[in-house]
C-alpha cells in the first residue's frame, strides 16, 4: 500500500553500496549483475535479486547470437567499479559516461534507476526529452 503513494524520486531510492563477485549489495541484500556486450558496442546489463526467483518480463528477449566475445574493433568497454558505479570508456581509455559516485544504481520497490554524472555541454535524447 505504501508503494502506491511513494513517488519515484531519487531521494526515495536505496542505492547499491558495493560491487563484489559480480553482485551488488543493496541494504544487505545481494543482487547478481551480468553484463553482456556485443562487438558493435551494445551493452546489456541484467540485475536479479538473489532472494527471489528470476522473472523475465521482457517483451523481446536478446538473441544469444548477439552476445559474442568482443573483438579488438570494439570502441567501448563497460565496467562496474567496486563502489557499485558504472563506467563506459573508449578503447583509448577516455571516460564517455560515468555513474554518479556511490549513487549510481538504485531501487524503489519495483522501480530502478541509473544516475550518471553530466556536464553542461552534454545532450541526451529520448525517455521523454525532446529537442526541436
Protein backbone atom coordinates (compact mmCIF):
# COMPACT_ATOMS: atom_id res chain seq x y z
CA UNK A 1 0.00 0.00 0.00
CA UNK A 2 2.83 2.38 0.86
CA UNK A 3 4.39 1.93 -2.57
CA UNK A 4 1.31 3.35 -4.28
CA UNK A 5 1.81 6.70 -2.56
CA UNK A 6 5.60 6.78 -2.78
CA UNK A 7 7.00 8.97 -5.56
CA UNK A 8 9.77 7.51 -7.68
CA UNK A 9 12.19 10.34 -6.96
CA UNK A 10 15.93 9.66 -6.39
CA UNK A 11 15.55 10.62 -2.73
CA UNK A 12 13.21 7.66 -2.21
CA UNK A 13 15.58 5.09 -3.74
CA UNK A 14 18.08 2.88 -1.95
CA UNK A 15 21.39 2.56 -3.78
CA UNK A 16 23.92 -0.22 -4.22
CA UNK A 17 26.74 0.22 -1.71
CA UNK A 18 29.32 -2.05 -3.29
CA UNK A 19 30.06 -4.49 -6.09
CA UNK A 20 31.90 -7.73 -5.31
CA UNK A 21 31.96 -11.16 -7.00
CA UNK A 22 29.53 -9.96 -9.71
CA UNK A 23 26.96 -8.84 -7.15
CA UNK A 24 25.55 -5.53 -5.94
CA UNK A 25 24.88 -5.19 -2.22
CA UNK A 26 21.76 -3.11 -1.51
CA UNK A 27 20.77 -2.80 2.16
CA UNK A 28 22.27 -6.19 2.94
CA UNK A 29 20.58 -7.95 0.01
CA UNK A 30 22.72 -9.32 -2.80
CA UNK A 31 21.75 -8.91 -6.43
CA UNK A 32 23.53 -10.68 -9.25
CA UNK A 33 24.87 -8.46 -12.03
CA UNK A 34 25.59 -9.69 -15.54
CA UNK A 35 26.99 -7.55 -18.34
CA UNK A 36 26.99 -8.89 -21.89
CA UNK A 37 28.45 -6.84 -24.71
CA UNK A 38 28.44 -7.10 -28.47
CA UNK A 39 31.23 -6.33 -30.89
CA UNK A 40 29.27 -3.27 -32.06
CA UNK A 41 29.25 -1.67 -28.59
CA UNK A 42 25.84 -2.61 -27.27
CA UNK A 43 26.00 -3.38 -23.55
CA UNK A 44 23.22 -5.35 -21.86
CA UNK A 45 23.05 -5.14 -18.05
CA UNK A 46 20.95 -7.69 -16.17
CA UNK A 47 20.39 -7.36 -12.41
CA UNK A 48 18.50 -10.01 -10.42
CA UNK A 49 17.54 -10.11 -6.75
CA UNK A 50 19.02 -13.37 -5.42
CA UNK A 51 16.30 -13.67 -2.73
CA UNK A 52 13.59 -14.11 -5.41
CA UNK A 53 13.24 -16.50 -8.34
CA UNK A 54 14.27 -14.75 -11.58
CA UNK A 55 11.35 -13.42 -13.59
CA UNK A 56 11.96 -12.37 -17.18
CA UNK A 57 9.24 -9.94 -18.27
CA UNK A 58 10.98 -8.58 -21.35
CA UNK A 59 8.78 -8.39 -24.43
CA UNK A 60 11.70 -9.01 -26.76
CA UNK A 61 14.49 -11.13 -25.44
CA UNK A 62 18.01 -10.63 -26.81
CA UNK A 63 19.25 -13.31 -29.14
CA UNK A 64 22.14 -15.38 -27.72
CA UNK A 65 23.88 -14.91 -31.08
CA UNK A 66 24.10 -11.15 -30.41
CA UNK A 67 26.40 -11.65 -27.45
CA UNK A 68 29.68 -12.86 -28.77
CA UNK A 69 33.09 -12.22 -27.37
CA UNK A 70 34.16 -8.67 -28.11
CA UNK A 71 36.68 -8.07 -30.85
CA UNK A 72 39.55 -5.60 -30.95
CA UNK A 73 37.47 -3.37 -33.22
CA UNK A 74 35.02 -2.63 -30.39
CA UNK A 75 35.03 1.00 -29.38
CA UNK A 76 33.84 0.91 -25.78
CA UNK A 77 34.15 -1.02 -22.54
CA UNK A 78 31.58 -1.08 -19.75
CA UNK A 79 32.74 -1.90 -16.23
CA UNK A 80 31.37 -1.75 -12.71
CA UNK A 81 33.57 -0.22 -10.03
CA UNK A 82 33.94 -1.75 -6.53
CA UNK A 83 31.84 1.17 -5.21
CA UNK A 84 28.92 -0.02 -7.42
CA UNK A 85 29.39 2.68 -10.05
CA UNK A 86 29.31 2.23 -13.81
CA UNK A 87 31.96 3.46 -16.21
CA UNK A 88 31.80 3.42 -20.01
CA UNK A 89 35.23 4.00 -21.55
CA UNK A 90 36.53 4.26 -25.09
CA UNK A 91 39.18 1.89 -26.43
CA UNK A 92 41.75 4.63 -25.68
CA UNK A 93 40.65 4.82 -22.02
CA UNK A 94 38.68 8.08 -22.22
CA UNK A 95 35.63 8.01 -19.93
CA UNK A 96 32.48 8.51 -22.01
CA UNK A 97 29.86 8.06 -19.31
CA UNK A 98 30.26 7.52 -15.59
CA UNK A 99 27.92 6.78 -12.70
CA UNK A 100 27.13 9.36 -10.06
CA UNK A 101 29.50 8.26 -7.30
CA UNK A 102 28.04 5.76 -4.87
CA UNK A 103 24.52 6.61 -6.01
CA UNK A 104 24.61 5.05 -9.45
CA UNK A 105 22.13 2.13 -9.31
CA UNK A 106 19.07 2.43 -7.07
CA UNK A 107 15.79 0.71 -6.38
CA UNK A 108 12.43 1.81 -5.01
CA UNK A 109 10.03 -1.14 -4.89
CA UNK A 110 9.70 -2.43 -8.48
CA UNK A 111 11.29 0.71 -9.93
CA UNK A 112 15.01 1.15 -10.61
CA UNK A 113 17.26 3.91 -11.91
CA UNK A 114 20.79 4.65 -13.01
CA UNK A 115 22.26 8.08 -12.26
CA UNK A 116 25.14 9.43 -14.31
CA UNK A 117 27.48 12.40 -13.96
CA UNK A 118 26.78 15.01 -16.58
CA UNK A 119 28.46 18.11 -17.88
CA UNK A 120 26.69 21.25 -19.08
CA UNK A 121 27.61 20.55 -22.73
CA UNK A 122 26.10 17.03 -22.77
CA UNK A 123 22.86 16.34 -24.68
CA UNK A 124 20.58 13.38 -24.04
CA UNK A 125 17.68 12.36 -26.25
CA UNK A 126 14.76 10.05 -25.65
CA UNK A 127 12.99 9.00 -22.48
CA UNK A 128 10.63 11.95 -22.79
CA UNK A 129 13.19 14.65 -23.51
CA UNK A 130 12.59 16.43 -26.80
CA UNK A 131 14.74 18.84 -28.76
CA UNK A 132 13.50 20.77 -31.67
